[in-house]
N, C-alpha and C. Protein backbone atom coordinates (compact mmCIF):
# COMPACT_ATOMS: atom_id res chain seq x y z
N UNK A 1 -29.16 -19.74 -47.03
CA UNK A 1 -30.34 -20.40 -47.56
C UNK A 1 -30.40 -20.13 -49.06
N UNK A 2 -30.49 -21.20 -49.84
CA UNK A 2 -30.58 -21.07 -51.28
C UNK A 2 -32.02 -21.43 -51.70
N UNK A 3 -32.69 -20.52 -52.39
CA UNK A 3 -34.07 -20.71 -52.85
C UNK A 3 -34.05 -21.07 -54.34
N UNK A 4 -34.87 -22.06 -54.72
CA UNK A 4 -34.97 -22.44 -56.14
C UNK A 4 -36.33 -23.09 -56.38
N UNK A 5 -36.71 -23.23 -57.64
CA UNK A 5 -37.98 -23.84 -58.00
C UNK A 5 -37.79 -25.31 -58.34
N UNK A 6 -38.71 -26.15 -57.87
CA UNK A 6 -38.72 -27.57 -58.20
C UNK A 6 -39.15 -27.72 -59.66
N UNK A 7 -38.38 -28.44 -60.44
CA UNK A 7 -38.71 -28.61 -61.86
C UNK A 7 -39.92 -29.52 -62.06
N UNK A 8 -40.28 -30.32 -61.06
CA UNK A 8 -41.41 -31.24 -61.17
C UNK A 8 -42.73 -30.59 -60.78
N UNK A 9 -42.74 -29.89 -59.66
CA UNK A 9 -44.00 -29.36 -59.11
C UNK A 9 -44.12 -27.85 -59.22
N UNK A 10 -43.01 -27.16 -59.51
CA UNK A 10 -43.02 -25.70 -59.53
C UNK A 10 -42.94 -25.08 -58.15
N UNK A 11 -42.88 -25.91 -57.13
CA UNK A 11 -42.81 -25.46 -55.75
C UNK A 11 -41.49 -24.73 -55.50
N UNK A 12 -41.56 -23.66 -54.72
CA UNK A 12 -40.35 -22.95 -54.33
C UNK A 12 -39.74 -23.71 -53.15
N UNK A 13 -38.51 -24.17 -53.33
CA UNK A 13 -37.81 -24.95 -52.31
C UNK A 13 -36.64 -24.16 -51.76
N UNK A 14 -36.20 -24.55 -50.57
CA UNK A 14 -35.04 -23.92 -49.93
C UNK A 14 -34.05 -25.00 -49.49
N UNK A 15 -32.80 -24.82 -49.83
CA UNK A 15 -31.72 -25.68 -49.35
C UNK A 15 -31.17 -24.99 -48.10
N UNK A 16 -31.35 -25.64 -46.96
CA UNK A 16 -30.91 -25.06 -45.69
C UNK A 16 -29.90 -25.98 -45.02
N UNK A 17 -29.19 -25.44 -44.04
CA UNK A 17 -28.13 -26.17 -43.36
C UNK A 17 -28.29 -26.06 -41.84
N UNK A 18 -29.24 -26.83 -41.28
CA UNK A 18 -29.43 -26.77 -39.83
C UNK A 18 -28.26 -27.41 -39.08
N UNK A 19 -27.95 -26.88 -37.92
CA UNK A 19 -26.97 -27.56 -37.08
C UNK A 19 -27.74 -28.54 -36.20
N UNK A 20 -27.06 -29.61 -35.83
CA UNK A 20 -27.68 -30.65 -35.01
C UNK A 20 -26.61 -31.36 -34.18
N UNK A 21 -27.07 -32.15 -33.24
CA UNK A 21 -26.19 -32.96 -32.39
C UNK A 21 -26.16 -34.37 -32.95
N UNK A 22 -24.96 -34.91 -33.16
CA UNK A 22 -24.82 -36.28 -33.66
C UNK A 22 -25.03 -37.26 -32.51
N UNK A 23 -25.12 -38.53 -32.83
CA UNK A 23 -25.24 -39.58 -31.81
C UNK A 23 -23.99 -39.65 -30.94
N UNK A 24 -22.88 -39.12 -31.44
CA UNK A 24 -21.63 -39.09 -30.67
C UNK A 24 -21.52 -37.83 -29.82
N UNK A 25 -22.50 -36.92 -29.93
CA UNK A 25 -22.51 -35.69 -29.14
C UNK A 25 -21.83 -34.51 -29.80
N UNK A 26 -21.40 -34.67 -31.06
CA UNK A 26 -20.75 -33.58 -31.77
C UNK A 26 -21.80 -32.67 -32.42
N UNK A 27 -21.48 -31.38 -32.52
CA UNK A 27 -22.36 -30.46 -33.24
C UNK A 27 -21.95 -30.49 -34.71
N UNK A 28 -22.90 -30.83 -35.58
CA UNK A 28 -22.65 -30.94 -37.01
C UNK A 28 -23.62 -30.05 -37.78
N UNK A 29 -23.34 -29.85 -39.05
CA UNK A 29 -24.22 -29.09 -39.93
C UNK A 29 -24.76 -30.03 -40.99
N UNK A 30 -26.07 -30.03 -41.15
CA UNK A 30 -26.72 -30.90 -42.12
C UNK A 30 -27.11 -30.18 -43.39
N UNK A 31 -27.58 -30.95 -44.34
CA UNK A 31 -28.13 -30.45 -45.59
C UNK A 31 -29.53 -31.01 -45.74
N UNK A 32 -30.50 -30.13 -45.96
CA UNK A 32 -31.87 -30.58 -46.15
C UNK A 32 -32.58 -29.57 -47.06
N UNK A 33 -33.45 -30.09 -47.90
CA UNK A 33 -34.27 -29.24 -48.77
C UNK A 33 -35.71 -29.35 -48.31
N UNK A 34 -36.35 -28.18 -48.15
CA UNK A 34 -37.74 -28.11 -47.71
C UNK A 34 -38.46 -27.02 -48.52
N UNK A 35 -39.77 -26.97 -48.40
CA UNK A 35 -40.55 -25.90 -49.02
C UNK A 35 -40.05 -24.57 -48.46
N UNK A 36 -39.85 -23.58 -49.34
CA UNK A 36 -39.29 -22.30 -48.91
C UNK A 36 -40.13 -21.62 -47.83
N UNK A 37 -41.45 -21.80 -47.88
CA UNK A 37 -42.34 -21.15 -46.91
C UNK A 37 -42.08 -21.64 -45.48
N UNK A 38 -41.61 -22.88 -45.33
CA UNK A 38 -41.43 -23.44 -43.98
C UNK A 38 -39.96 -23.52 -43.55
N UNK A 39 -39.06 -23.00 -44.37
CA UNK A 39 -37.62 -23.14 -44.10
C UNK A 39 -37.23 -22.60 -42.72
N UNK A 40 -37.71 -21.44 -42.34
CA UNK A 40 -37.35 -20.90 -41.03
C UNK A 40 -37.93 -21.72 -39.89
N UNK A 41 -39.13 -22.27 -40.08
CA UNK A 41 -39.70 -23.16 -39.07
C UNK A 41 -38.83 -24.40 -38.89
N UNK A 42 -38.33 -24.93 -40.00
CA UNK A 42 -37.48 -26.12 -39.95
C UNK A 42 -36.16 -25.79 -39.24
N UNK A 43 -35.56 -24.67 -39.57
CA UNK A 43 -34.34 -24.26 -38.87
C UNK A 43 -34.58 -24.13 -37.37
N UNK A 44 -35.70 -23.51 -37.00
CA UNK A 44 -36.04 -23.34 -35.58
C UNK A 44 -36.35 -24.68 -34.92
N UNK A 45 -36.98 -25.60 -35.65
CA UNK A 45 -37.26 -26.93 -35.11
C UNK A 45 -35.95 -27.64 -34.78
N UNK A 46 -35.02 -27.67 -35.72
CA UNK A 46 -33.76 -28.37 -35.46
C UNK A 46 -32.93 -27.68 -34.38
N UNK A 47 -33.06 -26.36 -34.27
CA UNK A 47 -32.39 -25.64 -33.17
C UNK A 47 -32.98 -26.11 -31.83
N UNK A 48 -34.30 -26.21 -31.76
CA UNK A 48 -34.95 -26.67 -30.52
C UNK A 48 -34.58 -28.12 -30.20
N UNK A 49 -34.53 -28.98 -31.22
CA UNK A 49 -34.14 -30.37 -30.99
C UNK A 49 -32.70 -30.44 -30.48
N UNK A 50 -31.83 -29.63 -31.07
CA UNK A 50 -30.42 -29.59 -30.64
C UNK A 50 -30.33 -29.16 -29.17
N UNK A 51 -31.13 -28.16 -28.79
CA UNK A 51 -31.09 -27.66 -27.41
C UNK A 51 -31.52 -28.72 -26.40
N UNK A 52 -32.36 -29.68 -26.80
CA UNK A 52 -32.76 -30.75 -25.89
C UNK A 52 -31.72 -31.87 -25.85
N UNK A 53 -30.76 -31.85 -26.80
CA UNK A 53 -29.79 -32.93 -26.91
C UNK A 53 -30.27 -34.08 -27.78
N UNK A 54 -31.41 -33.90 -28.45
CA UNK A 54 -31.93 -34.95 -29.34
C UNK A 54 -30.97 -35.13 -30.52
N UNK A 55 -30.43 -36.36 -30.69
CA UNK A 55 -29.44 -36.55 -31.75
C UNK A 55 -30.07 -36.89 -33.11
N UNK A 56 -29.35 -36.51 -34.14
CA UNK A 56 -29.68 -36.85 -35.52
C UNK A 56 -28.51 -37.68 -36.04
N UNK A 57 -28.82 -38.81 -36.69
CA UNK A 57 -27.74 -39.67 -37.20
C UNK A 57 -27.00 -39.01 -38.35
N UNK A 58 -27.70 -38.71 -39.43
CA UNK A 58 -27.14 -37.96 -40.55
C UNK A 58 -28.24 -37.10 -41.16
N UNK A 59 -27.84 -36.07 -41.87
CA UNK A 59 -28.79 -35.20 -42.57
C UNK A 59 -28.15 -34.83 -43.90
N UNK A 60 -28.43 -35.68 -44.91
CA UNK A 60 -27.83 -35.49 -46.22
C UNK A 60 -28.94 -35.42 -47.27
N UNK A 61 -28.62 -34.78 -48.40
CA UNK A 61 -29.59 -34.68 -49.48
C UNK A 61 -29.81 -36.03 -50.15
N UNK A 62 -30.96 -36.20 -50.78
CA UNK A 62 -31.30 -37.46 -51.43
C UNK A 62 -30.35 -37.81 -52.56
N UNK A 63 -29.69 -36.83 -53.15
CA UNK A 63 -28.72 -37.09 -54.22
C UNK A 63 -27.65 -38.09 -53.76
N UNK A 64 -27.28 -37.99 -52.50
CA UNK A 64 -26.24 -38.87 -51.94
C UNK A 64 -26.68 -40.34 -52.04
N UNK A 65 -28.00 -40.56 -52.04
CA UNK A 65 -28.56 -41.91 -52.06
C UNK A 65 -29.22 -42.22 -53.41
N UNK A 66 -28.81 -41.51 -54.47
CA UNK A 66 -29.38 -41.69 -55.80
C UNK A 66 -30.90 -41.55 -55.79
N UNK A 67 -31.39 -40.66 -54.91
CA UNK A 67 -32.83 -40.40 -54.75
C UNK A 67 -33.61 -41.65 -54.39
N UNK A 68 -32.97 -42.59 -53.74
CA UNK A 68 -33.58 -43.87 -53.35
C UNK A 68 -33.96 -43.80 -51.87
N UNK A 69 -35.28 -43.77 -51.61
CA UNK A 69 -35.78 -43.66 -50.25
C UNK A 69 -35.34 -44.84 -49.38
N UNK A 70 -35.31 -46.04 -49.94
CA UNK A 70 -34.91 -47.23 -49.18
C UNK A 70 -33.47 -47.10 -48.71
N UNK A 71 -32.58 -46.64 -49.59
CA UNK A 71 -31.18 -46.44 -49.21
C UNK A 71 -31.03 -45.37 -48.14
N UNK A 72 -31.77 -44.28 -48.30
CA UNK A 72 -31.69 -43.19 -47.33
C UNK A 72 -32.16 -43.66 -45.95
N UNK A 73 -33.28 -44.40 -45.92
CA UNK A 73 -33.77 -44.90 -44.63
C UNK A 73 -32.78 -45.88 -44.00
N UNK A 74 -32.23 -46.79 -44.79
CA UNK A 74 -31.28 -47.79 -44.27
C UNK A 74 -30.04 -47.11 -43.69
N UNK A 75 -29.69 -45.93 -44.23
CA UNK A 75 -28.55 -45.17 -43.73
C UNK A 75 -28.92 -44.31 -42.52
N UNK A 76 -30.18 -44.40 -42.09
CA UNK A 76 -30.68 -43.64 -40.94
C UNK A 76 -30.56 -42.14 -41.19
N UNK A 77 -30.87 -41.74 -42.42
CA UNK A 77 -30.73 -40.36 -42.86
C UNK A 77 -31.99 -39.55 -42.60
N UNK A 78 -31.82 -38.36 -42.09
CA UNK A 78 -32.92 -37.40 -41.92
C UNK A 78 -33.00 -36.59 -43.20
N UNK A 79 -34.19 -36.57 -43.82
CA UNK A 79 -34.34 -35.98 -45.16
C UNK A 79 -35.67 -35.27 -45.29
N UNK A 80 -35.71 -34.27 -46.15
CA UNK A 80 -36.94 -33.53 -46.44
C UNK A 80 -37.43 -33.83 -47.84
N UNK A 81 -37.12 -32.93 -48.78
CA UNK A 81 -37.59 -33.06 -50.15
C UNK A 81 -37.11 -34.35 -50.82
N UNK A 82 -38.07 -35.03 -51.45
CA UNK A 82 -37.78 -36.21 -52.27
C UNK A 82 -38.95 -36.37 -53.22
N UNK A 83 -38.75 -36.12 -54.50
CA UNK A 83 -39.84 -36.22 -55.46
C UNK A 83 -40.18 -37.69 -55.68
N UNK A 84 -41.30 -38.11 -55.07
CA UNK A 84 -41.73 -39.51 -55.16
C UNK A 84 -43.20 -39.61 -54.78
N UNK A 85 -43.85 -40.71 -55.20
CA UNK A 85 -45.23 -40.93 -54.75
C UNK A 85 -45.25 -41.53 -53.35
N UNK A 86 -46.43 -41.49 -52.74
CA UNK A 86 -46.65 -42.21 -51.49
C UNK A 86 -46.49 -43.69 -51.81
N UNK A 87 -45.81 -44.44 -50.97
CA UNK A 87 -45.57 -45.86 -51.22
C UNK A 87 -46.89 -46.58 -51.52
N UNK A 88 -46.88 -47.35 -52.60
CA UNK A 88 -48.05 -48.15 -52.98
C UNK A 88 -49.14 -47.38 -53.69
N UNK A 89 -48.90 -46.11 -54.05
CA UNK A 89 -49.90 -45.29 -54.72
C UNK A 89 -49.24 -44.51 -55.87
N UNK A 90 -50.08 -43.77 -56.59
CA UNK A 90 -49.55 -42.86 -57.61
C UNK A 90 -49.62 -41.41 -57.14
N UNK A 91 -50.19 -41.18 -55.96
CA UNK A 91 -50.31 -39.82 -55.41
C UNK A 91 -48.95 -39.34 -54.91
N UNK A 92 -48.65 -38.07 -55.18
CA UNK A 92 -47.38 -37.52 -54.72
C UNK A 92 -47.33 -37.43 -53.20
N UNK A 93 -46.17 -37.74 -52.67
CA UNK A 93 -45.90 -37.63 -51.24
C UNK A 93 -45.75 -36.17 -50.83
N UNK A 94 -45.94 -35.90 -49.57
CA UNK A 94 -45.66 -34.56 -49.03
C UNK A 94 -44.19 -34.21 -49.22
N UNK A 95 -43.33 -35.23 -49.29
CA UNK A 95 -41.90 -34.99 -49.53
C UNK A 95 -41.67 -34.37 -50.90
N UNK A 96 -42.53 -34.68 -51.88
CA UNK A 96 -42.37 -34.15 -53.24
C UNK A 96 -42.56 -32.64 -53.30
N UNK A 97 -43.15 -32.07 -52.26
CA UNK A 97 -43.35 -30.62 -52.16
C UNK A 97 -42.46 -29.99 -51.09
N UNK A 98 -41.62 -30.80 -50.46
CA UNK A 98 -40.76 -30.28 -49.40
C UNK A 98 -41.52 -29.98 -48.12
N UNK A 99 -42.68 -30.63 -47.94
CA UNK A 99 -43.53 -30.36 -46.78
C UNK A 99 -43.49 -31.46 -45.73
N UNK A 100 -42.54 -32.39 -45.86
CA UNK A 100 -42.40 -33.48 -44.88
C UNK A 100 -40.92 -33.75 -44.64
N UNK A 101 -40.64 -34.26 -43.46
CA UNK A 101 -39.28 -34.62 -43.07
C UNK A 101 -39.34 -35.99 -42.41
N UNK A 102 -38.39 -36.86 -42.76
CA UNK A 102 -38.22 -38.14 -42.07
C UNK A 102 -37.01 -38.01 -41.16
N UNK A 103 -37.18 -38.36 -39.88
CA UNK A 103 -36.14 -38.20 -38.87
C UNK A 103 -35.71 -39.56 -38.31
N UNK A 104 -34.41 -39.84 -38.40
CA UNK A 104 -33.81 -41.06 -37.82
C UNK A 104 -34.67 -42.30 -38.07
N UNK A 105 -34.81 -42.77 -39.31
CA UNK A 105 -35.69 -43.91 -39.60
C UNK A 105 -35.35 -45.21 -38.87
N UNK A 106 -34.10 -45.43 -38.50
CA UNK A 106 -33.76 -46.68 -37.79
C UNK A 106 -34.31 -46.68 -36.36
N UNK A 107 -34.44 -45.52 -35.74
CA UNK A 107 -35.03 -45.43 -34.40
C UNK A 107 -36.54 -45.19 -34.48
N UNK A 108 -37.01 -44.74 -35.63
CA UNK A 108 -38.40 -44.32 -35.81
C UNK A 108 -38.95 -44.93 -37.10
N UNK A 109 -39.18 -46.24 -37.11
CA UNK A 109 -39.53 -46.92 -38.36
C UNK A 109 -40.97 -46.67 -38.83
N UNK A 110 -41.21 -47.11 -40.06
CA UNK A 110 -42.55 -47.19 -40.65
C UNK A 110 -43.03 -48.61 -40.41
N UNK A 111 -44.23 -48.77 -39.83
CA UNK A 111 -44.76 -50.10 -39.53
C UNK A 111 -46.19 -50.20 -40.04
N UNK A 112 -46.44 -51.20 -40.89
CA UNK A 112 -47.79 -51.46 -41.39
C UNK A 112 -47.95 -52.96 -41.60
N UNK A 113 -49.05 -53.50 -41.08
CA UNK A 113 -49.36 -54.92 -41.22
C UNK A 113 -48.20 -55.82 -40.79
N UNK A 114 -47.52 -55.44 -39.72
CA UNK A 114 -46.43 -56.25 -39.20
C UNK A 114 -45.12 -56.13 -39.96
N UNK A 115 -45.08 -55.30 -40.99
CA UNK A 115 -43.85 -55.10 -41.77
C UNK A 115 -43.22 -53.79 -41.34
N UNK A 116 -41.92 -53.85 -41.04
CA UNK A 116 -41.18 -52.68 -40.56
C UNK A 116 -40.16 -52.26 -41.61
N UNK A 117 -40.13 -50.95 -41.86
CA UNK A 117 -39.13 -50.37 -42.75
C UNK A 117 -38.47 -49.19 -42.05
N UNK A 118 -37.17 -49.03 -42.17
CA UNK A 118 -36.25 -49.91 -42.86
C UNK A 118 -36.04 -51.22 -42.11
N UNK A 119 -35.55 -52.20 -42.83
CA UNK A 119 -35.30 -53.51 -42.25
C UNK A 119 -34.36 -53.38 -41.06
N UNK A 120 -34.72 -54.02 -39.96
CA UNK A 120 -33.89 -53.99 -38.75
C UNK A 120 -34.20 -52.84 -37.81
N UNK A 121 -35.05 -51.92 -38.23
CA UNK A 121 -35.40 -50.77 -37.38
C UNK A 121 -36.34 -51.21 -36.27
N UNK A 122 -36.23 -50.54 -35.11
CA UNK A 122 -37.07 -50.84 -33.95
C UNK A 122 -37.48 -49.52 -33.30
N UNK A 123 -38.78 -49.41 -32.97
CA UNK A 123 -39.23 -48.24 -32.23
C UNK A 123 -39.17 -48.57 -30.75
N UNK A 124 -38.29 -47.88 -30.03
CA UNK A 124 -38.13 -48.09 -28.60
C UNK A 124 -37.88 -46.71 -27.99
N UNK A 125 -38.85 -46.19 -27.27
CA UNK A 125 -38.76 -44.82 -26.76
C UNK A 125 -37.61 -44.61 -25.78
N UNK A 126 -36.99 -45.68 -25.30
CA UNK A 126 -35.86 -45.56 -24.38
C UNK A 126 -34.53 -45.35 -25.13
N UNK A 127 -34.54 -45.51 -26.44
CA UNK A 127 -33.33 -45.40 -27.24
C UNK A 127 -33.16 -43.96 -27.73
N UNK A 128 -31.94 -43.42 -27.59
CA UNK A 128 -31.72 -42.04 -28.03
C UNK A 128 -31.98 -41.92 -29.53
N UNK A 129 -32.49 -40.74 -29.92
CA UNK A 129 -32.84 -40.50 -31.31
C UNK A 129 -34.25 -40.92 -31.68
N UNK A 130 -34.97 -41.51 -30.70
CA UNK A 130 -36.35 -41.92 -30.92
C UNK A 130 -37.27 -40.75 -30.61
N UNK A 131 -38.27 -40.56 -31.46
CA UNK A 131 -39.24 -39.49 -31.25
C UNK A 131 -40.19 -39.91 -30.14
N UNK A 132 -40.09 -39.22 -29.00
CA UNK A 132 -40.94 -39.48 -27.83
C UNK A 132 -41.99 -38.37 -27.73
N UNK A 133 -42.85 -38.46 -26.73
CA UNK A 133 -43.89 -37.44 -26.55
C UNK A 133 -43.27 -36.05 -26.35
N UNK A 134 -42.18 -35.97 -25.64
CA UNK A 134 -41.49 -34.68 -25.44
C UNK A 134 -41.07 -34.09 -26.79
N UNK A 135 -40.54 -34.92 -27.67
CA UNK A 135 -40.10 -34.47 -28.98
C UNK A 135 -41.30 -34.13 -29.86
N UNK A 136 -42.38 -34.92 -29.76
CA UNK A 136 -43.60 -34.62 -30.52
C UNK A 136 -44.12 -33.24 -30.15
N UNK A 137 -44.08 -32.87 -28.89
CA UNK A 137 -44.54 -31.54 -28.48
C UNK A 137 -43.71 -30.44 -29.13
N UNK A 138 -42.41 -30.66 -29.25
CA UNK A 138 -41.54 -29.68 -29.92
C UNK A 138 -41.88 -29.62 -31.41
N UNK A 139 -42.05 -30.77 -32.01
CA UNK A 139 -42.41 -30.85 -33.44
C UNK A 139 -43.71 -30.09 -33.70
N UNK A 140 -44.71 -30.35 -32.89
CA UNK A 140 -46.02 -29.71 -33.07
C UNK A 140 -45.95 -28.21 -32.80
N UNK A 141 -45.13 -27.79 -31.86
CA UNK A 141 -44.98 -26.36 -31.56
C UNK A 141 -44.35 -25.59 -32.73
N UNK A 142 -43.70 -26.32 -33.64
CA UNK A 142 -43.07 -25.70 -34.80
C UNK A 142 -43.88 -25.88 -36.08
N UNK A 143 -45.15 -26.30 -35.95
CA UNK A 143 -46.06 -26.34 -37.08
C UNK A 143 -46.19 -27.66 -37.81
N UNK A 144 -45.68 -28.74 -37.23
CA UNK A 144 -45.72 -30.04 -37.89
C UNK A 144 -46.64 -31.02 -37.15
N UNK A 145 -47.09 -32.04 -37.86
CA UNK A 145 -47.83 -33.16 -37.29
C UNK A 145 -46.96 -34.41 -37.44
N UNK A 146 -47.25 -35.45 -36.63
CA UNK A 146 -46.41 -36.63 -36.54
C UNK A 146 -47.13 -37.88 -37.04
N UNK A 147 -46.47 -38.64 -37.92
CA UNK A 147 -47.01 -39.89 -38.45
C UNK A 147 -47.13 -41.00 -37.41
N UNK A 148 -46.56 -40.83 -36.24
CA UNK A 148 -46.70 -41.81 -35.16
C UNK A 148 -48.09 -41.81 -34.55
N UNK A 149 -48.89 -40.78 -34.86
CA UNK A 149 -50.27 -40.72 -34.36
C UNK A 149 -51.26 -41.44 -35.26
N UNK A 150 -50.84 -41.86 -36.45
CA UNK A 150 -51.76 -42.48 -37.40
C UNK A 150 -52.28 -43.81 -36.88
N UNK A 151 -53.47 -44.18 -37.30
CA UNK A 151 -54.12 -45.40 -36.79
C UNK A 151 -53.83 -46.64 -37.63
N UNK A 152 -53.95 -46.55 -38.97
CA UNK A 152 -53.82 -47.74 -39.82
C UNK A 152 -52.38 -48.19 -39.99
N UNK A 153 -51.46 -47.34 -39.67
CA UNK A 153 -50.04 -47.63 -39.76
C UNK A 153 -49.31 -46.64 -38.86
N UNK A 154 -48.09 -46.90 -38.59
CA UNK A 154 -47.27 -45.97 -37.82
C UNK A 154 -46.07 -45.57 -38.67
N UNK A 155 -45.94 -44.28 -38.87
CA UNK A 155 -44.80 -43.75 -39.61
C UNK A 155 -44.05 -42.85 -38.63
N UNK A 156 -43.33 -43.51 -37.72
CA UNK A 156 -42.72 -42.81 -36.60
C UNK A 156 -41.68 -41.76 -37.03
N UNK A 157 -41.03 -41.96 -38.18
CA UNK A 157 -40.00 -40.99 -38.59
C UNK A 157 -40.58 -39.81 -39.36
N UNK A 158 -41.84 -39.86 -39.74
CA UNK A 158 -42.45 -38.89 -40.65
C UNK A 158 -43.13 -37.74 -39.90
N UNK A 159 -42.71 -36.51 -40.22
CA UNK A 159 -43.43 -35.33 -39.75
C UNK A 159 -43.80 -34.53 -40.99
N UNK A 160 -44.94 -33.84 -40.94
CA UNK A 160 -45.38 -33.07 -42.11
C UNK A 160 -46.04 -31.78 -41.66
N UNK A 161 -45.93 -30.76 -42.52
CA UNK A 161 -46.43 -29.42 -42.25
C UNK A 161 -47.94 -29.47 -42.10
N UNK A 162 -48.46 -28.98 -40.96
CA UNK A 162 -49.89 -29.10 -40.67
C UNK A 162 -50.76 -28.30 -41.63
N UNK A 163 -50.28 -27.20 -42.16
CA UNK A 163 -51.06 -26.37 -43.09
C UNK A 163 -50.66 -26.63 -44.54
N UNK A 164 -50.37 -27.88 -44.87
CA UNK A 164 -49.89 -28.23 -46.21
C UNK A 164 -50.86 -27.84 -47.31
N UNK A 165 -52.16 -27.86 -47.06
CA UNK A 165 -53.16 -27.54 -48.09
C UNK A 165 -53.04 -26.09 -48.58
N UNK A 166 -52.57 -25.20 -47.72
CA UNK A 166 -52.39 -23.81 -48.13
C UNK A 166 -51.23 -23.67 -49.12
N UNK A 167 -50.26 -24.56 -49.03
CA UNK A 167 -49.07 -24.47 -49.87
C UNK A 167 -49.12 -25.40 -51.08
N UNK A 168 -49.90 -26.46 -50.99
CA UNK A 168 -50.02 -27.44 -52.08
C UNK A 168 -51.47 -27.93 -52.11
N UNK A 169 -52.38 -27.13 -52.67
CA UNK A 169 -53.82 -27.43 -52.62
C UNK A 169 -54.22 -28.80 -53.19
N UNK A 170 -53.45 -29.33 -54.13
CA UNK A 170 -53.79 -30.62 -54.73
C UNK A 170 -53.24 -31.81 -53.95
N UNK A 171 -52.47 -31.54 -52.93
CA UNK A 171 -51.85 -32.60 -52.15
C UNK A 171 -52.90 -33.31 -51.31
N UNK A 172 -52.87 -34.63 -51.33
CA UNK A 172 -53.85 -35.42 -50.59
C UNK A 172 -53.48 -35.52 -49.13
N UNK A 173 -54.52 -35.75 -48.31
CA UNK A 173 -54.32 -35.98 -46.88
C UNK A 173 -53.53 -37.28 -46.71
N UNK A 174 -52.59 -37.30 -45.76
CA UNK A 174 -51.85 -38.54 -45.51
C UNK A 174 -52.81 -39.70 -45.19
N UNK A 175 -52.42 -40.88 -45.61
CA UNK A 175 -53.22 -42.09 -45.37
C UNK A 175 -53.02 -42.54 -43.95
N UNK A 176 -53.87 -42.09 -43.04
CA UNK A 176 -53.66 -42.50 -41.64
C UNK A 176 -54.64 -43.58 -41.27
């Protein structure tokens, strides 16, 4: 685990390498950056997901996608830290503090007003890699909340640290 400070927010971040199961059933090692305070929870979360056989398509740093969220989602990439605002606002995202993770966006899309992102993504709980109630229980047991519970939109791939206010007091509540 490599700890460093974010040059934008001053947040202490951790570069960790969780192991996970690929869609082909292989055990792989990913790269993800998260807030240092939650790094062990994230490692334990991905260990628990691996033990259930829940697959992850890829887990690469945003640098691989030129820090472009659209490219990362289209590649079905699982990602944590990404310094960016919440879409359509000037408020910083939970990702900008390393307090959120997007998991398998092609199986777990963002849906608002009939528009789905990434393009071509479909939420179908029968498809492997989709976050189901069983997976939500594991996510919540490791200290995260799920964007699939939101009312005004569904952000099925988005999970965020439930006690984010303790780590980033200026961070706004997600727009649910």
